[in-house]
Protein backbone atom coordinates (compact mmCIF):
# COMPACT_ATOMS: atom_id res chain seq x y z
CA MET A 1 3.88 4.41 -27.34
CA ASP A 2 3.61 6.71 -24.52
CA TRP A 3 5.23 5.20 -21.26
CA LYS A 4 2.45 5.39 -19.17
CA GLN A 5 0.44 3.25 -21.95
CA GLN A 6 3.43 0.83 -21.93
CA LEU A 7 3.55 0.65 -18.45
CA ASN A 8 -0.29 -0.09 -17.98
CA ASN A 9 0.45 -2.93 -20.93
CA TYR A 10 3.33 -4.42 -18.90
CA THR A 11 1.30 -4.28 -15.49
CA GLU A 12 -1.93 -6.01 -17.36
CA LYS A 13 0.35 -8.92 -18.84
CA ILE A 14 2.01 -9.30 -15.45
CA ASN A 15 -1.50 -9.64 -13.55
CA ARG A 16 -3.01 -11.92 -16.09
CA GLU A 17 -0.01 -14.37 -15.72
CA LEU A 18 -0.12 -13.94 -11.98
CA GLU A 19 -3.84 -14.71 -11.97
CA LYS A 20 -3.14 -17.79 -13.92
CA TYR A 21 -0.51 -19.10 -11.81
CA ILE A 22 -2.45 -18.54 -8.51
CA ASP A 23 -5.74 -19.90 -9.61
CA GLY A 24 -4.28 -22.86 -11.13
CA ASN A 25 -2.66 -23.93 -7.58
CA ALA A 26 -5.80 -24.75 -5.52
CA ASN A 27 -7.54 -27.75 -4.20
CA ASN A 28 -10.31 -28.24 -1.69
CA LYS A 29 -7.88 -28.95 1.11
CA ASN A 30 -5.37 -25.85 0.65
CA GLN A 31 -8.12 -23.57 -0.43
CA THR A 32 -7.66 -21.07 2.72
CA LEU A 33 -4.04 -20.84 1.86
CA ILE A 34 -4.45 -20.07 -1.84
CA ASP A 35 -6.92 -17.40 -0.91
CA ALA A 36 -4.58 -15.85 1.65
CA MET A 37 -1.94 -15.67 -0.90
CA LYS A 38 -3.78 -14.34 -3.51
CA TYR A 39 -5.52 -11.73 -1.00
CA SER A 40 -1.96 -10.12 -1.24
CA LEU A 41 -0.43 -10.87 -4.45
CA MET A 42 -3.63 -9.67 -6.42
CA GLY A 43 -4.17 -6.56 -3.81
CA GLY A 44 -2.63 -4.21 -6.28
CA GLY A 45 0.94 -2.54 -6.37
CA LYS A 46 2.91 -1.15 -8.64
CA ARG A 47 4.67 -4.26 -10.15
CA LEU A 48 7.65 -2.46 -10.32
CA ARG A 49 9.85 -5.41 -9.90
CA PRO A 50 8.38 -7.43 -12.87
CA VAL A 51 8.01 -4.45 -14.93
CA LEU A 52 11.62 -3.80 -14.68
CA ALA A 53 12.47 -7.53 -15.76
CA ILE A 54 10.28 -7.17 -18.62
CA ALA A 55 11.79 -3.85 -19.97
CA SER A 56 15.50 -4.76 -19.16
CA TYR A 57 14.86 -7.75 -21.49
CA GLU A 58 13.35 -6.02 -24.15
CA ILE A 59 16.19 -3.66 -24.21
CA PHE A 60 18.13 -6.49 -25.83
CA LYS A 61 15.49 -8.78 -27.42
CA GLU A 62 11.62 -8.25 -28.41
CA ASP A 63 9.98 -11.52 -27.51
CA THR A 64 9.41 -11.33 -23.58
CA HIS A 65 7.50 -14.75 -23.24
CA LYS A 66 11.13 -16.15 -21.85
CA VAL A 67 11.27 -13.44 -18.98
CA LEU A 68 7.54 -13.47 -17.84
CA PRO A 69 8.22 -16.66 -15.59
CA CYS A 70 11.13 -15.15 -13.61
CA ALA A 71 9.34 -11.62 -13.27
CA CYS A 72 6.18 -13.24 -11.75
CA ALA A 73 8.54 -14.99 -9.50
CA ILE A 74 10.21 -12.20 -8.35
CA GLU A 75 6.53 -10.38 -7.70
CA MET A 76 5.60 -13.65 -5.73
CA ILE A 77 8.80 -13.15 -3.63
CA HIS A 78 8.16 -9.31 -3.17
CA THR A 79 4.96 -10.17 -1.88
CA TYR A 80 5.97 -12.67 0.73
CA SER A 81 8.11 -10.50 2.09
CA LEU A 82 5.64 -7.52 2.47
CA ILE A 83 3.29 -9.93 4.24
CA HIS A 84 5.91 -11.11 6.86
CA ASP A 85 6.80 -7.45 7.15
CA ASP A 86 3.50 -6.42 8.38
CA LEU A 87 3.08 -9.02 11.05
CA PRO A 88 3.12 -7.92 14.54
CA ALA A 89 6.69 -9.44 15.34
CA MET A 90 8.01 -7.24 12.72
CA ASP A 91 6.56 -3.84 11.63
CA ASN A 92 3.06 -4.55 12.91
CA ASP A 93 1.02 -2.85 10.38
CA ASP A 94 -2.65 -2.84 10.13
CA TYR A 95 -2.76 -1.63 6.40
CA ARG A 96 -1.29 -2.15 3.38
CA ARG A 97 -2.11 -0.20 -0.28
CA GLY A 98 -5.30 0.60 1.54
CA ARG A 99 -6.36 -2.55 2.68
CA LEU A 100 -6.26 -4.69 5.95
CA THR A 101 -3.01 -6.65 5.95
CA ASN A 102 -2.97 -10.54 5.36
CA HIS A 103 -2.92 -11.30 9.29
CA LYS A 104 -5.62 -9.04 9.90
CA VAL A 105 -7.92 -10.73 7.74
CA TYR A 106 -6.40 -14.19 7.84
CA GLY A 107 -4.45 -14.59 11.31
CA GLU A 108 -0.99 -14.71 11.79
CA GLY A 109 -0.56 -18.23 11.48
CA THR A 110 -2.04 -18.17 8.07
CA ALA A 111 -0.32 -15.00 6.91
CA ILE A 112 2.87 -16.65 7.50
CA LEU A 113 2.22 -20.10 5.72
CA ALA A 114 0.87 -17.54 2.93
CA GLY A 115 4.15 -15.88 2.61
CA ASP A 116 5.83 -19.02 2.68
CA GLY A 117 3.59 -20.45 -0.04
CA LEU A 118 4.48 -17.72 -2.23
CA LEU A 119 8.07 -17.82 -1.64
CA ASN A 120 8.32 -21.51 -2.51
CA TYR A 121 5.90 -20.99 -5.54
CA ALA A 122 8.16 -18.67 -6.89
CA PHE A 123 11.26 -21.23 -7.34
CA GLU A 124 8.54 -23.92 -8.31
CA ILE A 125 7.47 -21.90 -11.21
CA MET A 126 11.22 -20.87 -12.17
CA LEU A 127 12.06 -24.43 -11.98
CA GLN A 128 9.39 -25.77 -14.11
CA GLU A 129 10.00 -23.35 -16.94
CA ALA A 130 13.76 -24.04 -16.59
CA LEU A 131 13.29 -27.74 -16.99
CA LYS A 132 11.60 -26.87 -20.55
CA GLU A 133 14.75 -25.52 -21.75
CA ASP A 134 17.33 -27.63 -23.74
CA ASN A 135 20.02 -25.37 -22.21
CA ILE A 136 19.09 -24.32 -18.90
CA LYS A 137 22.06 -22.43 -17.53
CA SER A 138 20.74 -18.97 -18.16
CA TYR A 139 17.70 -20.01 -15.76
CA VAL A 140 19.65 -21.63 -13.08
CA GLU A 141 21.67 -18.27 -13.32
CA CYS A 142 18.67 -16.19 -12.96
CA MET A 143 17.49 -18.27 -9.93
CA GLN A 144 20.68 -17.70 -8.30
CA VAL A 145 20.63 -14.09 -8.69
CA ILE A 146 16.99 -13.82 -7.15
CA ALA A 147 17.77 -16.25 -4.42
CA LYS A 148 20.80 -14.01 -3.46
CA ALA A 149 18.88 -10.76 -3.71
CA ALA A 150 15.86 -12.24 -1.65
CA GLY A 151 18.14 -14.22 1.10
CA VAL A 152 20.87 -13.68 3.75
CA HIS A 153 22.91 -11.66 1.44
CA GLY A 154 20.08 -9.50 0.17
CA MET A 155 16.85 -8.75 1.41
CA ILE A 156 16.48 -10.96 4.49
CA GLY A 157 20.01 -9.96 5.69
CA GLY A 158 19.09 -6.15 4.96
CA GLN A 159 15.92 -6.69 7.31
CA ILE A 160 17.71 -8.25 10.12
CA VAL A 161 20.13 -5.07 10.13
CA ASP A 162 17.07 -3.03 10.29
CA LEU A 163 15.63 -4.79 12.90
CA GLU A 164 18.74 -4.64 15.33
CA SER A 165 18.96 -0.81 14.33
CA GLU A 166 15.43 0.13 15.77
CA ASN A 167 15.54 2.94 18.29
CA LYS A 168 19.61 3.47 17.69
CA LYS A 169 21.45 6.14 15.94
CA ILE A 170 23.04 4.39 13.05
CA ASP A 171 25.62 5.91 10.80
CA LYS A 172 25.57 6.23 6.62
CA GLU A 173 27.29 2.92 6.07
CA THR A 174 24.46 1.06 8.24
CA ILE A 175 21.69 2.88 6.48
CA ASP A 176 23.17 2.24 3.27
CA TYR A 177 23.61 -1.53 3.75
CA ILE A 178 19.90 -1.84 4.79
CA HIS A 179 18.55 -0.01 1.93
CA LEU A 180 21.03 -1.49 -0.64
CA ASN A 181 19.86 -4.97 1.05
CA LYS A 182 16.42 -4.92 2.05
CA THR A 183 14.91 -2.77 -0.84
CA ALA A 184 17.49 -2.45 -3.49
CA ALA A 185 18.65 -5.98 -3.80
CA LEU A 186 15.05 -6.88 -5.12
CA ILE A 187 15.00 -3.86 -7.61
CA ALA A 188 18.62 -4.56 -9.04
CA ALA A 189 17.86 -8.52 -9.53
CA PRO A 190 14.94 -8.26 -12.07
CA LEU A 191 17.08 -5.84 -14.14
CA LYS A 192 19.80 -8.31 -14.05
CA VAL A 193 17.50 -11.31 -15.03
CA GLY A 194 16.22 -9.63 -17.89
CA ALA A 195 19.61 -9.03 -19.25
CA ILE A 196 21.06 -12.59 -18.81
CA LEU A 197 17.54 -14.05 -20.28
CA ALA A 198 18.06 -11.80 -23.29
CA GLY A 199 21.48 -12.97 -24.03
CA ALA A 200 22.98 -9.57 -22.83
CA ASN A 201 26.91 -9.69 -22.69
CA LYS A 202 28.55 -9.54 -19.32
CA ASP A 203 29.22 -5.80 -19.41
CA ASP A 204 25.78 -5.04 -20.12
CA ILE A 205 24.26 -7.31 -17.43
CA LYS A 206 26.56 -5.74 -14.76
CA ASN A 207 25.21 -2.22 -16.33
CA MET A 208 21.92 -3.24 -15.43
CA GLU A 209 22.68 -4.41 -12.04
CA ASP A 210 24.37 -1.17 -11.35
CA ILE A 211 21.22 0.68 -12.56
CA GLY A 212 18.94 -1.47 -10.58
CA ARG A 213 21.12 -0.50 -7.13
CA ASN A 214 21.00 3.01 -7.79
CA LEU A 215 17.18 3.09 -8.83
CA GLY A 216 16.89 0.90 -5.64
CA LEU A 217 18.38 3.23 -3.18
CA ALA A 218 16.69 6.28 -4.67
CA PHE A 219 13.18 4.24 -4.36
CA GLN A 220 13.76 3.74 -0.87
CA ILE A 221 14.93 7.12 0.16
CA ARG A 222 11.77 8.46 -2.03
CA ASP A 223 9.85 5.89 0.46
CA ASP A 224 11.26 7.71 3.47
CA ILE A 225 10.54 11.10 2.42
CA LEU A 226 7.01 10.01 2.05
CA ASP A 227 6.64 8.98 5.25
CA ILE A 228 6.94 12.29 6.33
CA ILE A 229 5.36 14.72 3.51
CA GLY A 230 3.18 11.77 1.80
CA GLU A 231 -0.82 11.85 2.10
CA GLU A 232 -2.17 8.86 3.93
CA GLU A 233 -4.94 8.19 1.16
CA LYS A 234 -2.83 8.09 -1.60
CA LEU A 235 -0.18 6.07 0.16
CA GLY A 236 -2.77 3.39 1.56
CA LYS A 237 -0.91 3.41 4.97
CA HIS A 238 -0.27 5.18 7.93
CA VAL A 239 2.13 8.22 7.60
CA GLY A 240 5.17 8.92 10.12
CA SER A 241 5.57 5.56 11.23
CA ASP A 242 8.94 5.80 10.87
CA GLU A 243 9.18 8.63 13.47
CA ASP A 244 6.86 7.01 15.91
CA SER A 245 9.08 3.85 16.12
CA ASN A 246 12.23 6.03 16.23
CA LYS A 247 13.59 4.69 13.19
CA SER A 248 16.79 6.07 11.34
CA THR A 249 16.01 6.87 8.00
CA TYR A 250 17.91 9.31 5.56
CA PRO A 251 15.17 12.49 6.76
CA SER A 252 16.05 11.61 9.95
CA LEU A 253 19.57 11.31 9.77
CA TYR A 254 20.37 14.21 7.22
CA GLY A 255 17.42 16.13 6.60
CA LEU A 256 14.86 16.42 4.10
CA ASP A 257 16.51 18.55 1.42
CA TYR A 258 19.66 16.49 1.60
CA SER A 259 17.44 13.46 1.19
CA ILE A 260 15.63 14.82 -2.07
CA ASN A 261 18.71 15.81 -3.41
CA ARG A 262 20.40 12.53 -2.90
CA VAL A 263 17.44 10.85 -4.81
CA LYS A 264 18.19 13.20 -7.68
CA GLU A 265 21.60 12.62 -7.90
CA LEU A 266 21.01 8.67 -7.82
CA THR A 267 18.37 8.95 -10.68
CA CYS A 268 20.93 11.24 -12.65
CA GLU A 269 23.40 8.24 -12.56
CA VAL A 270 20.63 5.87 -13.48
CA HIS A 271 20.00 8.06 -16.76
CA GLU A 272 23.84 8.10 -17.35
CA LYS A 273 24.07 4.56 -17.48
CA LEU A 274 20.78 4.17 -19.58
CA ASN A 275 21.99 6.43 -22.39
CA ARG A 276 24.35 3.85 -24.00
CA TYR A 277 21.23 1.98 -24.93
CA ASP A 278 19.43 5.25 -26.68
CA THR A 279 15.79 5.06 -27.42
CA LYS A 280 15.72 1.42 -26.30
CA SER A 281 15.91 2.64 -22.74
CA LYS A 282 13.47 5.48 -23.20
CA PHE A 283 10.80 3.31 -21.19
CA LEU A 284 13.38 2.68 -18.12
CA TYR A 285 14.54 6.71 -18.25
CA GLU A 286 10.97 7.94 -18.05
CA LEU A 287 10.03 5.45 -15.57
CA SER A 288 12.92 6.32 -13.05
CA ASN A 289 11.81 9.88 -13.42
CA TYR A 290 8.30 9.08 -12.40
CA LEU A 291 9.64 7.12 -9.22
CA ILE A 292 11.54 10.09 -7.69
CA ASN A 293 8.42 12.19 -8.11
CA ARG A 294 5.66 9.56 -7.04
CA ASP A 295 3.51 10.64 -4.29
CA PHE A 296 2.53 7.15 -3.50
């Protein structure tokens, strides 16, 4: 199967599951909250993180039903982070994926609650699935991986350093800390989770996590590059926002050429680590190539 068709199949499967989860959670009292959650959750996006969880799982095991709840939960956590990132107190963005941001449609208070709702619902889903298992150890381990990646030692930790670094010249160690925690942590987590749930050995679990860290760093640097050379219509958001806010990025610190080469180096490292799985990693190999060359 062509990797793009496989990607479409993964995305369709994830969207069906997300729709079922979100539509089955409303009543006449909380409908506004569910509408706001759904507005952002089902508002498009690459579904990169849940796709990575499924693709990682399939390297070691074929049946994907066991990984889907965690994959969907990760996407909910990612979406909550975007809703909160867009708020006036954070990045103050009016558009996300070509549409008005959540707080522009529902107001700041509801947007905050929509993000909170998605974060809590994500763990509710994972706990529900864990309790169905006779041996819940692997699910609990995965929840710990996801909680850490999304929390103070991951995404939120990276976000606070990013906030504190605004309008400052920062060093490579600091920008790598921001990128590895704010972005890469929640890309490494699904790859690690997929391997854990599929019963992979410790060496393979670590290898998948390392792949995710490199891929996540490359993904974020590519985002920084697109903020300079991207097209607003394709990106669905304002180009040049990093420069407007005097934000330190790889291109601003090291130049565009260095940044492009760094993305290529990181992707080569990803490919080297994927080679041990031969044809089973073909999809992830092709996906990583796409991510370094994407224009949105």
